[in-house]
Amino acid sequence: RYSNRQESKMFMGGIIGSITYEGELDEFYPLLKFCQEVHIGKATSFGLGKIKMD
């Protein structure tokens, strides 16, 4: 990302990939569903931080 205000490139590091959870998730499902709906993650104002459950 380039910042016009700072006139420099901005580093936007993070983790890209997927994770698999197995087992009893009933306790965590409401939280995971909430995170998916509001896109809780890093740099969400730039369209990043998406969480998707299958």
Protein backbone atom coordinates (compact mmCIF):
# COMPACT_ATOMS: atom_id res chain seq x y z
CA ARG A 1 0.00 0.00 0.00
CA TYR A 2 1.19 3.50 -0.75
CA SER A 3 0.50 6.35 1.67
CA ASN A 4 0.07 9.71 -0.05
CA ARG A 5 0.08 11.45 3.33
CA GLN A 6 3.45 9.96 4.31
CA GLU A 7 4.67 9.74 0.71
CA SER A 8 5.98 6.24 1.24
CA LYS A 9 5.07 2.59 0.92
CA MET A 10 3.45 0.99 3.94
CA PHE A 11 4.28 -2.58 4.97
CA MET A 12 1.17 -4.67 5.52
CA GLY A 13 2.47 -8.01 6.74
CA GLY A 14 0.38 -10.81 8.10
CA ILE A 15 -0.57 -14.42 7.63
CA ILE A 16 -2.23 -15.81 4.53
CA GLY A 17 -3.58 -19.31 4.48
CA SER A 18 -6.15 -21.56 5.98
CA ILE A 19 -6.69 -23.46 9.18
CA THR A 20 -8.75 -26.55 9.90
CA TYR A 21 -10.48 -27.11 13.21
CA GLU A 22 -11.79 -30.53 14.12
CA GLY A 23 -13.78 -31.80 17.03
CA GLU A 24 -16.46 -30.22 19.17
CA LEU A 25 -16.85 -26.59 18.09
CA ASP A 26 -20.33 -25.83 19.45
CA GLU A 27 -18.90 -23.58 22.16
CA PHE A 28 -16.90 -21.49 19.67
CA TYR A 29 -19.37 -21.43 16.77
CA PRO A 30 -21.17 -18.19 17.79
CA LEU A 31 -17.85 -16.35 18.07
CA LEU A 32 -16.56 -17.72 14.76
CA LYS A 33 -19.84 -16.84 13.05
CA PHE A 34 -19.64 -13.29 14.44
CA CYS A 35 -16.04 -12.91 13.23
CA GLN A 36 -17.08 -14.09 9.78
CA GLU A 37 -19.93 -11.60 9.57
CA VAL A 38 -17.96 -8.52 10.66
CA HIS A 39 -14.65 -9.51 9.02
CA ILE A 40 -12.59 -9.32 12.17
CA GLY A 41 -8.95 -9.47 11.19
CA LYS A 42 -6.01 -7.27 10.28
CA ALA A 43 -6.41 -4.21 8.01
CA THR A 44 -10.15 -4.63 7.51
CA SER A 45 -10.47 -1.00 6.38
CA PHE A 46 -8.44 -2.03 3.31
CA GLY A 47 -10.68 -5.01 2.56
CA LEU A 48 -8.45 -7.51 4.33
CA GLY A 49 -9.00 -9.63 7.42
CA LYS A 50 -11.70 -11.83 5.95
CA ILE A 51 -12.69 -14.97 7.83
CA LYS A 52 -14.73 -17.65 6.05
CA MET A 53 -16.22 -20.83 7.47
CA ASP A 54 -17.31 -23.79 5.36
